[in-house]
């Protein structure tokens, strides 16, 4: 069985750079760590919370791409034949040689930091190379979960390639000091499918990417349904649209506001708003106003690791209707989770919310309290910091199985 190329950690020389980052860590993400788009904004909000706590030394992207990676299948240029943007290749990304290259390239960038400064990466795309530095990882799902559901980049892989990707992720998990899972659903896969010790896996959740907002006076009688998602199909838009048409038969003044995408749909009460960017004040304000006036929030993705919009909806005191799958029951306190998400069942749940203002308000208040108590970024950041230490021995056993240095490219 192939193994990662690392060096014996016992023989690693300590960086002689004076330590000026006591109590801080280095933040990593596959893309700009502070972008709203990277990891759905998770890394941005987490690292900004850590910075506010004076616990962040620096951030780096692990997506360190060289021009010649194109010759090794970095992009799927076959999509250009369909006038589509070339997509990142799962075969390239979840390849042991690629993971080794990215890990070595990152190590070059971290050379100026004392090894006492640990690394916290959002996602899992690199591992420690030639260093005693502790690596920690935040995981919203596992490759195994994505492969079983045929979702995200893993959908490109056949079963054999997916099994190899799972093995690559397992070996990365082996090198981490701790793995922070967004949900118990993900933690269960990390422990059972990847053989990680339960003591090594910590459930941390996420923070809502929006603050609490005062509801409009007529919020719970507004009959407005809000959908927020970049992918209309994957987020269950077609089922929601069918359900909405059923809702309109009983509640003729119901309105469906669609944000984040622009599907070619229309009909009485359907309002396609499109993308609203939070970094642009006027668009952020528009989104906030939609949450403040929404009587019900609904997305219906069969597979979604931990949809942050469900936290956003609840912190704005908006009742949620969604599917009872994955981590949904952990993230939703305020609303209705449908076991069998047919259009009729979803419509019945929405009608229940829209027809009962007192119930909707009760759900909204309960959801807001639930999020403020459990899912804020300062709480997530503090929980992570309570489990992070400086250089240690947590990952030494896994690393000491190999003694080869990173090969020069």
Protein backbone atom coordinates (compact mmCIF):
# COMPACT_ATOMS: atom_id res chain seq x y z
CA UNK A 1 0.00 0.00 0.00
CA UNK A 2 1.46 3.39 -0.94
CA UNK A 3 2.19 5.81 1.88
CA UNK A 4 2.65 9.54 2.14
CA UNK A 5 6.19 10.81 1.74
CA UNK A 6 7.17 12.52 4.96
CA UNK A 7 10.19 12.49 7.19
CA UNK A 8 10.73 10.99 10.63
CA UNK A 9 9.34 13.74 12.90
CA UNK A 10 11.79 12.88 15.66
CA UNK A 11 14.64 14.04 13.44
CA UNK A 12 12.99 17.32 12.36
CA UNK A 13 15.05 20.37 13.32
CA UNK A 14 13.14 23.16 15.02
CA UNK A 15 12.79 26.41 13.11
CA UNK A 16 15.19 28.93 14.59
CA UNK A 17 12.88 31.88 13.89
CA UNK A 18 11.94 33.60 17.17
CA UNK A 19 8.39 32.76 18.15
CA UNK A 20 6.18 35.84 17.91
CA UNK A 21 2.91 33.95 17.56
CA UNK A 22 2.34 32.43 21.00
CA UNK A 23 -1.24 31.23 21.32
CA UNK A 24 -1.99 31.80 17.63
CA UNK A 25 -2.53 29.52 14.68
CA UNK A 26 -2.24 29.55 10.89
CA UNK A 27 -5.51 29.33 8.95
CA UNK A 28 -5.74 27.38 5.68
CA UNK A 29 -8.42 26.81 3.06
CA UNK A 30 -8.52 25.49 -0.51
CA UNK A 31 -8.90 28.96 -2.04
CA UNK A 32 -8.76 32.45 -0.55
CA UNK A 33 -9.42 31.76 3.15
CA UNK A 34 -11.17 35.12 3.58
CA UNK A 35 -13.40 34.91 0.51
CA UNK A 36 -17.17 34.68 0.86
CA UNK A 37 -17.07 31.90 -1.75
CA UNK A 38 -14.49 29.59 -0.15
CA UNK A 39 -16.19 26.76 1.74
CA UNK A 40 -19.43 28.80 1.55
CA UNK A 41 -17.81 31.51 3.65
CA UNK A 42 -17.01 29.15 6.53
CA UNK A 43 -13.28 29.84 6.52
CA UNK A 44 -13.82 33.61 6.27
CA UNK A 45 -16.13 33.81 9.25
CA UNK A 46 -14.14 31.36 11.37
CA UNK A 47 -10.79 33.04 10.74
CA UNK A 48 -12.20 36.52 11.31
CA UNK A 49 -13.59 35.32 14.63
CA UNK A 50 -10.17 33.91 15.54
CA UNK A 51 -8.53 37.17 14.48
CA UNK A 52 -10.88 39.12 16.75
CA UNK A 53 -9.72 36.86 19.57
CA UNK A 54 -6.09 37.60 18.62
CA UNK A 55 -5.61 33.90 17.87
CA UNK A 56 -4.75 34.07 14.15
CA UNK A 57 -1.18 34.45 12.95
CA UNK A 58 -1.81 34.36 9.18
CA UNK A 59 -3.94 32.71 6.51
CA UNK A 60 -2.85 30.85 3.38
CA UNK A 61 -4.54 29.11 0.47
CA UNK A 62 -3.61 25.47 -0.03
CA UNK A 63 -4.66 25.78 -3.68
CA UNK A 64 -1.07 26.42 -4.73
CA UNK A 65 -1.24 25.67 -8.44
CA UNK A 66 1.69 25.71 -10.89
CA UNK A 67 1.24 26.30 -14.61
CA UNK A 68 2.48 22.83 -15.41
CA UNK A 69 -0.28 21.24 -13.33
CA UNK A 70 -2.40 21.71 -16.44
CA UNK A 71 -0.40 18.92 -18.07
CA UNK A 72 -1.30 16.57 -15.22
CA UNK A 73 -5.07 16.97 -15.59
CA UNK A 74 -5.72 19.84 -13.17
CA UNK A 75 -8.79 20.96 -15.14
CA UNK A 76 -11.51 19.13 -17.05
CA UNK A 77 -11.20 20.93 -20.38
CA UNK A 78 -13.71 18.54 -21.95
CA UNK A 79 -16.40 20.83 -20.51
CA UNK A 80 -15.31 23.55 -22.93
CA UNK A 81 -16.82 21.49 -25.76
CA UNK A 82 -20.18 22.20 -24.12
CA UNK A 83 -19.33 25.90 -23.66
CA UNK A 84 -18.89 25.34 -19.94
CA UNK A 85 -16.14 26.58 -17.65
CA UNK A 86 -13.43 23.93 -17.10
CA UNK A 87 -14.04 22.23 -13.77
CA UNK A 88 -11.42 21.14 -11.26
CA UNK A 89 -10.65 17.46 -11.84
CA UNK A 90 -11.47 15.13 -8.95
CA UNK A 91 -8.97 12.61 -10.36
CA UNK A 92 -6.26 15.25 -10.07
CA UNK A 93 -7.31 16.61 -6.68
CA UNK A 94 -7.89 13.31 -4.88
CA UNK A 95 -4.66 11.79 -6.10
CA UNK A 96 -1.91 10.88 -3.68
CA UNK A 97 0.76 12.57 -5.81
CA UNK A 98 -1.27 15.80 -5.94
CA UNK A 99 -1.85 15.85 -2.19
CA UNK A 100 1.88 15.38 -1.66
CA UNK A 101 2.71 18.24 -4.04
CA UNK A 102 0.26 20.62 -2.41
CA UNK A 103 1.55 19.67 1.04
CA UNK A 104 5.17 20.29 0.02
CA UNK A 105 4.32 23.63 -1.61
CA UNK A 106 2.51 24.71 1.54
CA UNK A 107 5.44 23.71 3.70
CA UNK A 108 7.67 26.07 1.71
CA UNK A 109 5.27 28.92 2.50
CA UNK A 110 5.22 28.07 6.20
CA UNK A 111 9.00 28.02 6.51
CA UNK A 112 9.09 31.41 8.23
CA UNK A 113 6.82 30.33 11.07
CA UNK A 114 8.05 28.64 14.21
CA UNK A 115 6.80 25.07 14.47
CA UNK A 116 5.05 25.98 17.70
CA UNK A 117 2.41 27.68 15.55
CA UNK A 118 -0.18 25.02 14.65
CA UNK A 119 -2.20 24.84 11.45
CA UNK A 120 -5.99 24.77 11.18
CA UNK A 121 -7.28 23.91 7.71
CA UNK A 122 -10.89 24.17 6.62
CA UNK A 123 -11.32 21.06 4.51
CA UNK A 124 -8.65 18.38 4.08
CA UNK A 125 -6.20 18.85 1.21
CA UNK A 126 -2.75 18.91 2.83
CA UNK A 127 -0.86 17.13 5.59
CA UNK A 128 2.33 17.87 7.57
CA UNK A 129 5.59 17.33 5.64
CA UNK A 130 9.06 17.46 7.16
CA UNK A 131 7.73 19.19 10.25
CA UNK A 132 6.64 18.60 13.83
CA UNK A 133 3.96 21.29 13.42
CA UNK A 134 0.52 20.16 14.56
CA UNK A 135 -2.17 20.05 11.86
CA UNK A 136 -5.88 20.32 12.64
CA UNK A 137 -8.75 19.94 10.20
CA UNK A 138 -12.35 21.14 9.91
CA UNK A 139 -14.57 18.70 7.99
CA UNK A 140 -18.13 19.30 6.84
CA UNK A 141 -18.38 15.82 5.30
CA UNK A 142 -16.20 12.93 4.21
CA UNK A 143 -15.31 11.69 0.74
CA UNK A 144 -17.14 8.49 1.64
CA UNK A 145 -20.37 10.39 2.30
CA UNK A 146 -20.05 12.37 -0.95
CA UNK A 147 -19.22 9.21 -2.94
CA UNK A 148 -22.18 7.29 -1.53
CA UNK A 149 -24.47 10.16 -2.51
CA UNK A 150 -22.70 10.83 -5.81
CA UNK A 151 -22.31 14.52 -4.97
CA UNK A 152 -19.79 17.34 -5.50
CA UNK A 153 -16.48 16.67 -7.30
CA UNK A 154 -16.53 13.02 -6.26
CA UNK A 155 -19.36 12.43 -8.74
CA UNK A 156 -16.65 12.49 -11.46
CA UNK A 157 -15.01 9.34 -10.08
CA UNK A 158 -15.89 5.72 -10.71
CA UNK A 159 -16.13 3.48 -7.67
CA UNK A 160 -12.50 2.34 -7.86
CA UNK A 161 -11.19 5.91 -8.05
CA UNK A 162 -13.57 6.95 -5.27
CA UNK A 163 -12.24 4.15 -3.05
CA UNK A 164 -8.70 5.39 -3.66
CA UNK A 165 -9.78 8.93 -2.78
CA UNK A 166 -11.30 7.64 0.46
CA UNK A 167 -7.99 5.95 1.27
CA UNK A 168 -6.08 9.18 0.58
CA UNK A 169 -8.39 11.05 2.95
CA UNK A 170 -8.00 8.34 5.59
CA UNK A 171 -4.22 8.71 5.53
CA UNK A 172 -4.56 12.48 5.84
CA UNK A 173 -6.89 12.07 8.81
CA UNK A 174 -4.28 9.79 10.40
CA UNK A 175 -1.77 12.68 10.46
CA UNK A 176 -4.02 15.26 12.11
CA UNK A 177 -3.90 16.01 15.82
CA UNK A 178 -7.67 16.47 15.88
CA UNK A 179 -10.52 16.60 13.37
CA UNK A 180 -13.27 19.14 13.93
CA UNK A 181 -16.55 17.92 12.42
CA UNK A 182 -19.41 20.29 11.67
CA UNK A 183 -21.95 17.70 12.76
CA UNK A 184 -22.38 14.41 14.57
CA UNK A 185 -23.42 12.97 11.21
CA UNK A 186 -19.96 13.75 9.79
CA UNK A 187 -18.18 12.71 12.98
CA UNK A 188 -19.84 9.29 12.77
CA UNK A 189 -18.41 8.74 9.27
CA UNK A 190 -14.93 9.89 10.31
CA UNK A 191 -14.93 7.42 13.18
CA UNK A 192 -16.68 4.45 11.57
CA UNK A 193 -15.58 4.74 7.92
CA UNK A 194 -12.05 6.02 8.54
CA UNK A 195 -11.11 4.29 11.79
CA UNK A 196 -10.37 7.49 13.70
CA UNK A 197 -10.47 7.48 17.48
CA UNK A 198 -13.62 9.08 18.97
CA UNK A 199 -11.33 11.13 21.25
CA UNK A 200 -9.72 12.66 18.16
CA UNK A 201 -13.00 13.87 16.61
CA UNK A 202 -14.75 16.95 18.00
CA UNK A 203 -18.16 18.22 16.84
CA UNK A 204 -18.03 22.02 16.57
CA UNK A 205 -20.93 23.05 14.32
CA UNK A 206 -20.80 26.39 12.53
CA UNK A 207 -21.79 29.98 13.08
CA UNK A 208 -24.63 31.75 11.28
CA UNK A 209 -23.24 33.94 8.49
CA UNK A 210 -25.67 36.67 9.47
CA UNK A 211 -26.48 38.42 12.71
CA UNK A 212 -29.88 38.51 14.43
CA UNK A 213 -32.37 40.83 12.75
CA UNK A 214 -35.58 42.37 14.13
CA UNK A 215 -38.56 40.81 12.33
CA UNK A 216 -40.96 42.97 10.39
CA UNK A 217 -44.23 43.68 12.18
CA UNK A 218 -46.21 41.51 9.75
CA UNK A 219 -43.54 38.81 9.29
CA UNK A 220 -45.64 35.90 10.55
CA UNK A 221 -48.66 36.80 8.45
CA UNK A 222 -46.76 37.82 5.31
CA UNK A 223 -47.20 34.49 3.44
CA UNK A 224 -43.67 34.93 2.02
CA UNK A 225 -41.51 31.84 1.42
CA UNK A 226 -37.76 32.38 0.99
CA UNK A 227 -35.35 30.11 -0.91
CA UNK A 228 -31.60 30.92 -0.79
CA UNK A 229 -29.17 28.72 -2.74
CA UNK A 230 -26.65 28.88 -5.55
CA UNK A 231 -27.76 25.62 -7.16
CA UNK A 232 -31.50 25.54 -7.83
CA UNK A 233 -31.60 21.85 -8.71
CA UNK A 234 -29.26 20.51 -6.00
CA UNK A 235 -31.03 22.56 -3.32
CA UNK A 236 -34.36 21.00 -4.26
CA UNK A 237 -35.79 23.94 -6.16
CA UNK A 238 -37.91 21.90 -8.61
CA UNK A 239 -39.69 20.06 -5.77
CA UNK A 240 -40.19 23.35 -3.92
CA UNK A 241 -41.71 24.96 -7.02
CA UNK A 242 -44.15 22.06 -7.42
CA UNK A 243 -45.00 22.28 -3.72
CA UNK A 244 -45.49 26.05 -4.00
CA UNK A 245 -48.09 25.57 -6.74
CA UNK A 246 -50.00 23.29 -4.36
CA UNK A 247 -49.66 25.91 -1.59
CA UNK A 248 -51.12 28.60 -3.87
CA UNK A 249 -54.33 26.59 -4.32
CA UNK A 250 -54.99 26.98 -0.59
CA UNK A 251 -53.17 30.27 0.05
CA UNK A 252 -53.59 32.35 -3.13
CA UNK A 253 -51.48 35.28 -1.88
CA UNK A 254 -48.42 33.14 -1.06
CA UNK A 255 -45.13 34.40 -2.55
CA UNK A 256 -41.94 32.46 -3.32
CA UNK A 257 -38.76 34.60 -3.35
CA UNK A 258 -35.80 32.86 -5.00
CA UNK A 259 -32.32 34.18 -4.09
CA UNK A 260 -28.83 33.01 -5.05
CA UNK A 261 -29.64 31.68 -8.50
CA UNK A 262 -31.77 32.58 -11.52
CA UNK A 263 -33.64 29.49 -12.69
CA UNK A 264 -35.90 29.80 -15.72
CA UNK A 265 -39.09 29.47 -13.73
CA UNK A 266 -42.15 31.65 -13.51
CA UNK A 267 -45.74 31.67 -12.41
CA UNK A 268 -48.12 33.51 -10.08
CA UNK A 269 -46.32 34.51 -6.89
CA UNK A 270 -42.86 33.39 -8.09
CA UNK A 271 -40.22 36.12 -7.73
CA UNK A 272 -36.73 35.28 -9.07
CA UNK A 273 -34.34 37.76 -7.44
CA UNK A 274 -30.97 36.15 -8.29
CA UNK A 275 -27.61 36.55 -6.57
CA UNK A 276 -27.32 39.01 -3.67
CA UNK A 277 -23.70 39.57 -2.62
CA UNK A 278 -23.12 40.16 1.06
CA UNK A 279 -19.96 42.18 0.38
CA UNK A 280 -22.07 44.82 -1.39
CA UNK A 281 -24.01 46.84 1.17
CA UNK A 282 -27.18 47.42 -0.85
CA UNK A 283 -27.44 43.76 -1.84
CA UNK A 284 -26.76 42.58 1.70
CA UNK A 285 -29.47 44.94 2.92
CA UNK A 286 -31.89 43.51 0.35
CA UNK A 287 -31.16 39.97 1.57
CA UNK A 288 -31.63 41.01 5.19
CA UNK A 289 -34.97 42.59 4.36
CA UNK A 290 -36.10 39.36 2.69
CA UNK A 291 -35.22 37.40 5.85
CA UNK A 292 -36.94 39.97 8.07
CA UNK A 293 -40.19 39.67 6.10
CA UNK A 294 -40.15 35.92 5.33
CA UNK A 295 -42.84 33.82 7.00
CA UNK A 296 -41.04 30.57 6.06
CA UNK A 297 -37.64 29.51 4.75
CA UNK A 298 -37.35 26.41 2.55
CA UNK A 299 -34.56 24.47 0.84
CA UNK A 300 -34.85 20.77 0.02
CA UNK A 301 -31.41 19.32 -0.81
CA UNK A 302 -31.39 15.50 -0.44
CA UNK A 303 -27.68 15.76 0.40
CA UNK A 304 -26.10 18.83 2.01
CA UNK A 305 -23.46 18.50 4.74
CA UNK A 306 -24.44 21.48 6.91
CA UNK A 307 -26.40 24.23 5.08
CA UNK A 308 -25.48 27.53 6.71
CA UNK A 309 -28.60 29.19 5.32
CA UNK A 310 -30.62 27.13 7.80
CA UNK A 311 -28.69 28.86 10.58
CA UNK A 312 -29.21 32.24 8.88
CA UNK A 313 -32.95 31.65 8.67
CA UNK A 314 -33.24 30.71 12.31
CA UNK A 315 -31.11 33.56 13.66
CA UNK A 316 -33.51 35.89 11.82
CA UNK A 317 -36.41 34.12 13.59
CA UNK A 318 -37.66 32.51 10.36
CA UNK A 319 -39.29 29.04 10.61
CA UNK A 320 -37.64 26.39 8.42
CA UNK A 321 -39.09 23.68 6.21
CA UNK A 322 -36.51 21.20 4.93
CA UNK A 323 -35.72 17.49 4.54
CA UNK A 324 -34.96 15.26 7.50
CA UNK A 325 -31.62 13.91 6.25
CA UNK A 326 -27.92 14.11 7.09
CA UNK A 327 -27.16 16.71 9.75
CA UNK A 328 -30.44 18.61 9.26
CA UNK A 329 -31.90 17.53 12.60
CA UNK A 330 -28.80 18.90 14.36
CA UNK A 331 -28.99 22.30 12.67
CA UNK A 332 -32.74 22.92 12.80
CA UNK A 333 -34.67 23.66 15.97
CA UNK A 334 -37.22 26.04 14.50
CA UNK A 335 -39.33 24.41 11.81
CA UNK A 336 -40.51 21.22 10.17
CA UNK A 337 -38.26 18.49 8.73
CA UNK A 338 -40.09 16.36 6.18
CA UNK A 339 -39.27 12.63 6.21
CA UNK A 340 -40.59 11.88 2.72
CA UNK A 341 -40.05 15.06 0.68
CA UNK A 342 -42.75 14.73 -1.95
CA UNK A 343 -44.21 17.98 -3.27
CA UNK A 344 -47.45 17.26 -1.38
CA UNK A 345 -45.70 16.63 1.94
CA UNK A 346 -43.56 19.76 1.56
CA UNK A 347 -46.63 21.81 0.63
CA UNK A 348 -48.48 20.57 3.72
CA UNK A 349 -45.56 21.60 5.94
CA UNK A 350 -45.39 25.06 4.37
CA UNK A 351 -49.16 25.52 4.63
CA UNK A 352 -48.95 24.59 8.32
CA UNK A 353 -46.46 27.42 8.91
CA UNK A 354 -48.15 30.04 6.72
CA UNK A 355 -51.61 29.34 8.15
CA UNK A 356 -50.60 29.61 11.81
CA UNK A 357 -49.00 32.98 12.65
CA UNK A 358 -48.79 32.15 16.37
CA UNK A 359 -47.05 28.84 15.66
CA UNK A 360 -44.70 30.50 13.15
CA UNK A 361 -43.75 33.16 15.71
CA UNK A 362 -43.17 30.50 18.38
CA UNK A 363 -40.94 28.56 15.97
CA UNK A 364 -39.09 31.73 15.02
CA UNK A 365 -38.32 32.73 18.60
CA UNK A 366 -37.22 29.19 19.52
CA UNK A 367 -34.94 28.98 16.48
CA UNK A 368 -33.30 32.32 17.19
CA UNK A 369 -32.55 31.34 20.79
CA UNK A 370 -31.20 27.97 19.64
CA UNK A 371 -28.75 29.55 17.19
CA UNK A 372 -27.56 32.24 19.60
CA UNK A 373 -26.90 29.58 22.23
CA UNK A 374 -25.21 27.04 19.98
CA UNK A 375 -24.18 28.35 16.56
CA UNK A 376 -22.26 31.63 16.65
CA UNK A 377 -18.74 32.09 15.31
CA UNK A 378 -17.21 33.18 18.65
CA UNK A 379 -18.57 29.99 20.25
CA UNK A 380 -17.18 27.84 17.41
CA UNK A 381 -13.78 29.57 17.56
CA UNK A 382 -13.54 29.19 21.35
CA UNK A 383 -14.40 25.50 21.14
CA UNK A 384 -11.70 24.91 18.52
CA UNK A 385 -9.08 26.80 20.52
CA UNK A 386 -9.87 24.74 23.62
CA UNK A 387 -8.73 21.63 21.71
CA UNK A 388 -5.62 23.06 20.01
CA UNK A 389 -2.15 22.85 21.46
CA UNK A 390 1.37 23.55 20.24
CA UNK A 391 3.86 20.93 19.00
CA UNK A 392 2.97 17.51 20.33
CA UNK A 393 3.01 13.83 19.58
CA UNK A 394 -0.55 13.27 18.34
CA UNK A 395 0.49 12.78 14.74
CA UNK A 396 3.97 11.33 15.29
CA UNK A 397 2.89 7.68 15.13
CA UNK A 398 1.32 8.12 11.70
CA UNK A 399 4.20 10.21 10.36
CA UNK A 400 7.00 8.00 11.64
CA UNK A 401 5.88 5.14 9.39
CA UNK A 402 7.71 6.84 6.51
CA UNK A 403 11.11 8.51 6.29
CA UNK A 404 11.31 9.88 2.77
CA UNK A 405 11.66 13.60 2.15
CA UNK A 406 9.49 15.57 -0.23
CA UNK A 407 10.81 15.08 -3.75
CA UNK A 408 11.82 18.19 -5.65
CA UNK A 409 9.43 19.00 -8.51
